[in-house]
N, C-alpha and C. Protein backbone atom coordinates (compact mmCIF):
# COMPACT_ATOMS: atom_id res chain seq x y z
N MET A 1 109.58 66.39 89.48
CA MET A 1 109.40 65.14 91.14
C MET A 1 108.14 65.75 91.81
N ASP A 2 107.51 67.07 91.56
CA ASP A 2 106.49 66.83 92.50
C ASP A 2 105.79 66.00 92.15
N GLN A 3 105.32 65.23 91.24
CA GLN A 3 103.95 64.50 90.83
C GLN A 3 104.71 63.10 91.62
N SER A 4 105.84 62.95 91.41
CA SER A 4 106.52 61.82 92.30
C SER A 4 106.08 61.93 93.60
N VAL A 5 106.18 62.78 93.79
CA VAL A 5 106.39 63.16 95.50
C VAL A 5 104.90 62.22 96.17
N MET A 6 103.79 63.13 95.00
CA MET A 6 102.45 63.30 95.50
C MET A 6 102.03 61.67 95.52
N THR A 7 102.19 60.98 94.62
CA THR A 7 102.40 59.35 94.71
C THR A 7 102.52 59.02 95.20
N ALA A 8 104.14 59.33 96.07
CA ALA A 8 104.48 58.27 97.01
C ALA A 8 103.66 58.66 98.75
N ALA A 9 103.09 60.22 98.37
CA ALA A 9 102.29 60.43 100.15
C ALA A 9 100.82 59.74 99.55
N GLU A 10 100.03 59.55 98.49
CA GLU A 10 99.00 59.09 98.52
C GLU A 10 99.44 57.60 98.88
N ARG A 11 100.40 56.86 98.76
CA ARG A 11 100.25 55.20 98.73
C ARG A 11 100.82 55.22 100.49
N VAL A 12 100.72 56.10 101.50
CA VAL A 12 101.00 55.78 102.92
C VAL A 12 99.53 55.18 103.08
N LEU A 13 99.64 54.37 103.85
CA LEU A 13 98.56 53.95 104.68
C LEU A 13 98.38 53.82 105.93
N GLN A 14 99.45 54.20 106.79
CA GLN A 14 99.45 54.41 108.40
C GLN A 14 100.46 55.45 108.71
N ILE A 15 100.18 55.84 109.78
CA ILE A 15 101.74 57.23 109.83
C ILE A 15 101.51 56.77 111.60
N ASP A 16 102.75 56.44 111.95
CA ASP A 16 102.52 56.20 113.28
C ASP A 16 102.56 57.38 114.37
N PRO A 17 102.09 57.27 115.90
CA PRO A 17 101.62 58.47 116.34
C PRO A 17 103.19 58.91 116.46
N LEU A 18 103.08 60.05 117.11
CA LEU A 18 104.30 61.43 117.64
C LEU A 18 104.38 60.79 118.64
N PRO A 19 105.92 60.55 118.59
CA PRO A 19 106.44 60.42 119.96
C PRO A 19 106.08 61.80 120.82
N ALA A 20 105.69 60.99 121.89
CA ALA A 20 105.33 61.59 123.53
C ALA A 20 106.37 63.15 123.70
N GLY A 21 105.21 64.13 123.43
CA GLY A 21 105.62 65.55 123.96
C GLY A 21 105.65 66.27 122.53
N LEU A 22 105.61 65.79 121.49
CA LEU A 22 105.42 66.37 120.32
C LEU A 22 103.31 66.64 120.09
N GLY A 23 103.20 67.42 119.38
CA GLY A 23 101.45 67.59 118.74
C GLY A 23 101.04 68.03 119.65
N ASN A 24 101.52 68.84 120.63
CA ASN A 24 100.83 69.31 121.93
C ASN A 24 100.76 71.06 121.25
N GLY A 25 100.87 71.37 120.26
CA GLY A 25 100.47 72.93 119.92
C GLY A 25 102.08 73.96 119.46
N GLU A 26 102.89 73.14 119.99
CA GLU A 26 103.84 73.81 119.67
C GLU A 26 104.50 73.11 118.61
N SER A 27 105.30 74.65 117.63
CA SER A 27 105.94 73.70 116.36
C SER A 27 106.69 73.09 116.47
N PHE A 28 106.76 72.43 115.47
CA PHE A 28 108.39 71.40 115.21
C PHE A 28 108.23 71.18 114.05
N GLU A 29 109.19 70.45 113.32
CA GLU A 29 109.98 70.22 112.25
C GLU A 29 110.13 68.38 112.29
N ILE A 30 109.48 68.08 110.44
CA ILE A 30 109.64 66.63 110.62
C ILE A 30 110.68 66.78 109.33
N ASN A 31 111.84 65.99 109.24
CA ASN A 31 112.83 66.12 108.07
C ASN A 31 112.32 64.67 107.46
N ILE A 32 111.87 64.48 105.60
CA ILE A 32 111.51 63.63 105.16
C ILE A 32 112.75 63.15 104.47
N ALA A 33 113.59 62.17 103.83
CA ALA A 33 114.44 61.90 103.03
C ALA A 33 113.94 60.98 101.97
N PHE A 34 113.84 61.46 100.44
CA PHE A 34 113.39 60.72 99.47
C PHE A 34 114.70 59.69 99.26
N LYS A 35 114.69 58.45 98.57
CA LYS A 35 116.05 58.15 98.16
C LYS A 35 115.71 57.95 96.49
N LEU A 36 115.89 58.53 95.57
CA LEU A 36 115.81 58.82 93.91
C LEU A 36 116.33 57.61 93.38
N ASP A 37 115.75 56.88 92.26
CA ASP A 37 115.75 55.76 91.66
C ASP A 37 115.63 55.87 90.25
N GLN A 38 116.84 55.82 89.63
CA GLN A 38 116.60 56.52 88.73
C GLN A 38 116.48 55.17 87.57
N GLY A 39 115.11 53.70 88.24
CA GLY A 39 115.54 52.54 87.35
C GLY A 39 116.65 51.74 87.09
N GLN A 40 117.72 51.67 87.59
CA GLN A 40 118.89 51.24 87.39
C GLN A 40 118.77 49.98 88.44
């Protein structure tokens, strides 16, 4: 699954800006959900 995650990340062309209040030097967590498709 490692290479499939890298391939998906490489296809991202644009990321929306962080919501107000994030990205100011504080740490925060971003959850990413992957949907695995077995080709069915």
